[in-house]
N, C-alpha and C. Protein backbone atom coordinates (compact mmCIF):
# COMPACT_ATOMS: atom_id res chain seq x y z
N UNK A 1 7.52 -38.92 10.64
CA UNK A 1 8.10 -38.13 9.49
C UNK A 1 7.04 -37.20 8.44
N UNK A 2 5.42 -38.43 8.95
CA UNK A 2 4.01 -36.97 8.11
C UNK A 2 4.21 -36.18 8.92
N UNK A 3 4.20 -36.02 10.44
CA UNK A 3 3.03 -34.82 11.06
C UNK A 3 5.05 -33.90 10.86
N UNK A 4 6.14 -33.89 9.88
CA UNK A 4 7.18 -32.81 9.63
C UNK A 4 6.42 -33.02 8.14
N UNK A 5 5.80 -34.05 7.48
CA UNK A 5 5.66 -33.23 6.06
C UNK A 5 4.12 -32.21 6.32
N UNK A 6 3.51 -32.82 6.80
CA UNK A 6 2.18 -31.79 6.83
C UNK A 6 2.42 -30.65 7.39
N UNK A 7 3.62 -30.54 8.59
CA UNK A 7 3.92 -29.11 9.14
C UNK A 7 4.55 -27.99 7.93
N UNK A 8 5.21 -29.15 7.12
CA UNK A 8 5.83 -28.30 6.28
C UNK A 8 4.77 -27.84 5.24
N UNK A 9 4.22 -28.38 5.04
CA UNK A 9 2.68 -28.26 4.06
C UNK A 9 2.22 -26.78 4.09
N UNK A 10 1.73 -27.10 5.39
CA UNK A 10 0.87 -25.97 6.68
C UNK A 10 1.72 -24.90 5.91
N UNK A 11 3.09 -24.87 6.39
CA UNK A 11 3.82 -23.54 6.19
C UNK A 11 3.84 -23.02 4.70
N UNK A 12 3.92 -24.24 3.63
CA UNK A 12 4.35 -23.56 2.34
C UNK A 12 2.92 -22.95 2.08
N UNK A 13 1.60 -23.45 2.73
CA UNK A 13 0.46 -22.86 2.24
C UNK A 13 -0.11 -21.67 2.82
N UNK A 14 0.54 -21.33 3.88
CA UNK A 14 0.64 -20.27 4.51
C UNK A 14 1.14 -19.40 3.70
N UNK A 15 2.87 -19.84 3.52
CA UNK A 15 3.55 -18.54 2.77
C UNK A 15 3.32 -18.16 1.57
N UNK A 16 2.61 -19.14 0.40
CA UNK A 16 1.66 -18.59 -0.26
C UNK A 16 1.02 -17.80 -0.45
N UNK A 17 -0.31 -17.95 0.87
CA UNK A 17 -1.18 -16.90 0.61
C UNK A 17 -0.81 -16.01 1.58
N UNK A 18 0.37 -15.88 2.20
CA UNK A 18 0.90 -14.00 2.53
C UNK A 18 1.69 -13.73 1.03
N UNK A 19 2.47 -14.44 0.23
CA UNK A 19 2.63 -13.56 -0.28
C UNK A 19 1.30 -12.88 -1.54
N UNK A 20 0.73 -13.98 -1.84
CA UNK A 20 -0.52 -13.31 -2.23
C UNK A 20 -1.07 -11.91 -1.74
N UNK A 21 -1.22 -11.96 -0.57
CA UNK A 21 -1.73 -11.01 -0.13
C UNK A 21 -0.72 -9.71 -0.39
N UNK A 22 0.60 -9.85 -0.29
CA UNK A 22 1.19 -8.97 -0.50
C UNK A 22 1.55 -8.54 -1.66
N UNK A 23 1.05 -9.33 -2.76
CA UNK A 23 0.98 -9.05 -3.88
C UNK A 23 -0.55 -8.01 -4.42
N UNK A 24 -1.64 -8.43 -3.64
CA UNK A 24 -2.92 -7.60 -3.44
C UNK A 24 -2.47 -6.19 -2.81
N UNK A 25 -1.93 -6.13 -1.98
CA UNK A 25 -2.02 -4.65 -1.42
C UNK A 25 -0.75 -4.13 -2.07
N UNK A 26 0.19 -4.54 -2.63
CA UNK A 26 1.18 -4.29 -3.67
C UNK A 26 0.51 -3.25 -5.02
N UNK A 27 -0.70 -3.82 -5.19
CA UNK A 27 -1.16 -3.52 -6.54
C UNK A 27 -2.30 -2.36 -5.62
N UNK A 28 -2.28 -2.37 -4.56
CA UNK A 28 -3.21 -1.19 -4.08
C UNK A 28 -2.67 -0.14 -3.78
N UNK A 29 -1.11 -0.51 -3.17
CA UNK A 29 -0.46 0.71 -3.29
C UNK A 29 -0.18 1.61 -4.30
N UNK A 30 0.17 0.68 -5.35
CA UNK A 30 0.05 1.19 -6.91
C UNK A 30 -1.05 2.15 -7.18
N UNK A 31 -2.41 1.74 -6.86
CA UNK A 31 -3.43 2.40 -6.96
C UNK A 31 -3.34 4.04 -6.41
N UNK A 32 -3.23 3.98 -4.82
CA UNK A 32 -3.23 4.80 -4.35
C UNK A 32 -2.14 5.76 -4.59
N UNK A 33 -0.43 5.24 -5.16
CA UNK A 33 0.02 6.35 -5.54
C UNK A 33 -0.37 6.90 -7.40
N UNK A 34 -0.72 6.09 -8.41
CA UNK A 34 -1.73 6.63 -9.02
C UNK A 34 -2.65 8.19 -8.75
N UNK A 35 -3.77 7.55 -7.82
CA UNK A 35 -4.15 8.34 -7.55
C UNK A 35 -3.91 9.59 -6.75
N UNK A 36 -2.69 9.59 -6.29
CA UNK A 36 -2.21 10.83 -5.10
C UNK A 36 -1.21 11.19 -6.47
N UNK A 37 -0.85 11.11 -7.49
CA UNK A 37 -0.16 11.64 -8.81
C UNK A 37 -1.30 12.69 -9.30
N UNK A 38 -2.70 11.96 -9.22
CA UNK A 38 -3.63 12.60 -10.67
C UNK A 38 -3.76 14.04 -9.39
N UNK A 39 -4.08 13.93 -8.13
CA UNK A 39 -4.41 14.96 -7.12
C UNK A 39 -3.78 15.67 -7.21
N UNK A 40 -2.14 15.71 -7.53
CA UNK A 40 -1.54 16.44 -7.44
C UNK A 40 -1.06 17.38 -8.53
N UNK A 41 -1.21 16.73 -9.33
CA UNK A 41 -1.43 17.68 -10.97
C UNK A 41 -2.81 18.64 -10.68
N UNK A 42 -3.91 18.06 -10.24
CA UNK A 42 -4.98 18.88 -9.76
C UNK A 42 -4.33 20.23 -8.97
N UNK A 43 -3.53 19.79 -8.34
CA UNK A 43 -3.31 20.73 -7.09
C UNK A 43 -2.42 21.49 -8.11
N UNK A 44 -1.53 21.12 -8.90
CA UNK A 44 -0.58 22.36 -9.62
C UNK A 44 -1.15 22.93 -10.68
N UNK A 45 -2.36 22.40 -11.04
CA UNK A 45 -2.98 23.31 -12.26
C UNK A 45 -3.86 24.27 -11.51
N UNK A 46 -4.55 23.79 -10.53
CA UNK A 46 -5.30 24.84 -9.68
C UNK A 46 -4.01 26.18 -9.09
N UNK A 47 -3.42 26.17 -8.80
CA UNK A 47 -2.62 26.51 -8.45
C UNK A 47 -1.53 27.89 -9.14
N UNK A 48 -1.58 27.35 -10.37
CA UNK A 48 -0.95 28.08 -11.45
C UNK A 48 -1.76 29.05 -12.13
N UNK A 49 -3.38 28.68 -11.92
CA UNK A 49 -4.70 29.06 -12.44
C UNK A 49 -4.65 30.22 -11.57
N UNK A 50 -4.50 29.86 -10.38
CA UNK A 50 -5.14 30.89 -9.49
C UNK A 50 -3.71 31.99 -9.33
N UNK A 51 -2.11 31.93 -9.89
CA UNK A 51 -1.33 32.14 -10.01
C UNK A 51 -1.53 33.49 -10.64
N UNK A 52 -2.22 32.49 -12.24
CA UNK A 52 -2.48 33.66 -13.66
C UNK A 52 -3.56 34.66 -13.27
N UNK A 53 -4.78 33.90 -12.77
CA UNK A 53 -6.26 34.90 -12.81
C UNK A 53 -6.62 35.19 -11.33
N UNK A 54 -5.79 34.85 -10.33
CA UNK A 54 -5.93 35.55 -8.55
C UNK A 54 -6.66 34.43 -8.28
N UNK A 55 -6.88 34.18 -6.92
CA UNK A 55 -7.75 33.62 -7.03
C UNK A 55 -9.60 34.22 -6.47
N UNK A 56 -10.40 32.91 -6.48
CA UNK A 56 -11.59 33.35 -6.63
C UNK A 56 -11.67 32.06 -5.54
N UNK A 57 -13.37 32.60 -5.03
CA UNK A 57 -14.11 31.34 -3.85
C UNK A 57 -13.51 29.85 -4.19
N UNK A 58 -14.21 29.66 -5.94
CA UNK A 58 -14.65 28.47 -6.53
C UNK A 58 -13.44 27.78 -6.46
N UNK A 59 -12.09 28.85 -6.99
CA UNK A 59 -10.88 28.38 -7.16
C UNK A 59 -10.23 27.73 -6.03
N UNK A 60 -10.37 28.43 -5.06
CA UNK A 60 -10.03 28.13 -3.27
C UNK A 60 -10.40 27.27 -3.38
N UNK A 61 -11.46 27.06 -2.91
CA UNK A 61 -12.37 25.92 -2.27
C UNK A 61 -12.44 24.35 -3.11
N UNK A 62 -11.69 24.42 -4.31
CA UNK A 62 -11.28 23.43 -5.17
C UNK A 62 -9.68 22.96 -4.88
N UNK A 63 -8.83 23.74 -4.75
CA UNK A 63 -7.78 24.02 -3.94
C UNK A 63 -7.68 22.94 -2.85
N UNK A 64 -8.52 23.49 -2.08
CA UNK A 64 -8.82 23.35 -0.48
C UNK A 64 -9.15 21.42 -0.96
N UNK A 65 -9.84 21.26 -1.24
CA UNK A 65 -10.63 20.10 -1.65
C UNK A 65 -9.89 19.12 -2.10
N UNK A 66 -8.69 19.45 -3.25
CA UNK A 66 -7.42 18.25 -3.70
C UNK A 66 -6.56 18.53 -2.54
N UNK A 67 -6.52 19.13 -2.18
CA UNK A 67 -5.40 18.85 -1.22
C UNK A 67 -5.46 17.89 0.31
N UNK A 68 -6.96 18.76 0.67
CA UNK A 68 -8.18 17.46 1.42
C UNK A 68 -7.91 16.15 1.37
N UNK A 69 -7.86 15.58 -0.36
CA UNK A 69 -8.31 14.36 -1.16
C UNK A 69 -6.31 14.02 -1.14
N UNK A 70 -5.93 14.56 -0.94
CA UNK A 70 -3.89 14.47 -1.26
C UNK A 70 -3.44 13.50 0.47
N UNK A 71 -4.52 14.35 1.43
CA UNK A 71 -3.98 14.31 2.19
C UNK A 71 -4.57 13.25 2.66
N UNK A 72 -5.74 12.50 2.81
CA UNK A 72 -6.52 10.85 2.60
C UNK A 72 -6.08 9.79 1.64
N UNK A 73 -5.10 10.22 1.39
CA UNK A 73 -4.65 9.47 -0.17
C UNK A 73 -3.56 8.85 0.58
N UNK A 74 -2.97 10.08 0.90
CA UNK A 74 -1.44 9.38 1.41
C UNK A 74 -1.42 8.94 3.00
N UNK A 75 -2.92 9.06 3.36
CA UNK A 75 -2.99 8.37 5.09
C UNK A 75 -3.32 6.71 4.79
N UNK A 76 -4.15 6.63 3.61
CA UNK A 76 -4.64 5.00 3.15
C UNK A 76 -2.95 4.63 2.75
N UNK A 77 -2.21 5.22 1.88
CA UNK A 77 -1.28 4.62 1.36
C UNK A 77 -0.16 4.31 2.04
N UNK A 78 -0.57 5.12 3.42
CA UNK A 78 0.60 4.80 4.68
C UNK A 78 0.36 3.43 5.44
N UNK A 79 -1.36 3.43 5.36
CA UNK A 79 -1.72 2.28 6.20
C UNK A 79 -1.29 1.37 5.39
N UNK A 80 -1.70 0.67 4.02
CA UNK A 80 -1.02 -0.25 3.67
C UNK A 80 0.24 -0.32 3.13
N UNK A 81 1.08 0.57 3.27
CA UNK A 81 2.53 0.28 3.59
C UNK A 81 2.61 -0.41 4.61
N UNK A 82 2.00 0.02 5.39
CA UNK A 82 2.16 -0.88 6.91
C UNK A 82 1.63 -2.32 6.61
N UNK A 83 0.65 -2.13 6.32
CA UNK A 83 -0.05 -3.57 6.05
C UNK A 83 0.85 -4.55 5.26
N UNK A 84 1.50 -4.21 4.22
CA UNK A 84 2.68 -5.00 3.51
C UNK A 84 3.81 -5.27 4.29
N UNK A 85 4.73 -4.29 5.10
CA UNK A 85 5.34 -4.66 6.01
C UNK A 85 5.60 -5.56 7.02
N UNK A 86 3.81 -5.90 7.73
CA UNK A 86 3.57 -6.67 8.64
C UNK A 86 3.43 -8.15 7.59
N UNK A 87 3.01 -8.13 6.46
CA UNK A 87 3.25 -9.21 5.89
C UNK A 87 3.96 -10.02 5.47
N UNK A 88 4.94 -9.11 5.36
CA UNK A 88 6.55 -9.44 4.43
C UNK A 88 7.05 -9.83 5.98
N UNK A 89 6.94 -9.06 7.04
CA UNK A 89 7.79 -10.02 8.34
C UNK A 89 7.01 -11.22 8.64
N UNK A 90 5.74 -11.40 8.24
CA UNK A 90 4.94 -12.52 8.91
C UNK A 90 5.66 -13.51 7.77
N UNK A 91 6.14 -13.35 6.35
CA UNK A 91 6.34 -14.74 5.68
C UNK A 91 7.90 -14.57 6.34
N UNK A 92 8.99 -13.49 6.25
CA UNK A 92 10.07 -13.94 7.00
C UNK A 92 10.17 -15.11 8.27
N UNK A 93 8.79 -15.12 9.20
CA UNK A 93 8.46 -15.95 10.00
C UNK A 93 8.21 -17.29 9.58
N UNK A 94 7.51 -17.25 8.58
CA UNK A 94 7.51 -18.43 7.91
C UNK A 94 8.29 -19.56 7.35
N UNK A 95 9.59 -18.68 6.57
CA UNK A 95 10.91 -18.56 6.26
C UNK A 95 11.73 -19.68 7.08
N UNK A 96 11.51 -18.71 8.18
CA UNK A 96 12.21 -18.97 9.17
C UNK A 96 12.15 -20.28 9.82
N UNK A 97 10.94 -20.89 10.00
CA UNK A 97 9.91 -22.33 10.23
C UNK A 97 10.37 -23.17 9.28
N UNK A 98 9.97 -22.69 8.01
CA UNK A 98 10.27 -23.40 7.15
C UNK A 98 11.87 -23.65 7.03
N UNK A 99 13.28 -23.19 7.14
CA UNK A 99 14.32 -23.75 7.43
C UNK A 99 14.76 -24.44 8.75
N UNK A 100 14.14 -24.06 9.98
CA UNK A 100 14.08 -24.71 10.68
C UNK A 100 13.71 -26.28 10.74
N UNK A 101 12.11 -26.27 10.00
CA UNK A 101 11.94 -27.85 9.27
C UNK A 101 12.77 -28.36 8.63
N UNK A 102 13.47 -27.81 7.90
CA UNK A 102 14.20 -28.27 7.26
C UNK A 102 15.33 -28.99 7.64
N UNK A 103 15.96 -27.99 8.40
CA UNK A 103 17.31 -28.82 9.07
C UNK A 103 16.39 -29.99 10.26
N UNK A 104 15.30 -29.98 10.46
CA UNK A 104 15.24 -31.58 11.27
C UNK A 104 15.23 -32.86 10.73
């Protein structure tokens, strides 16, 4: 009986840690979304400026750098999303183990 209680407590502690991880990763994802939104605004601003005034070497370089930054941020965001999905899968496994332990 004590062993079952200790196992359940271990699972609950693991679940709490995983939920904290998902929360942290969700905050990180929000930062990536905000960063990307800012970069997209810069891209639009540069495209408008190029459309109005023609392209200069500096504007084209700035646009290219902004597009590269957007690609890098999207890649980081995708990796973060994969980590969230993995952590959520781990939570699901712990929940199943908790349900099985409860049934005993």
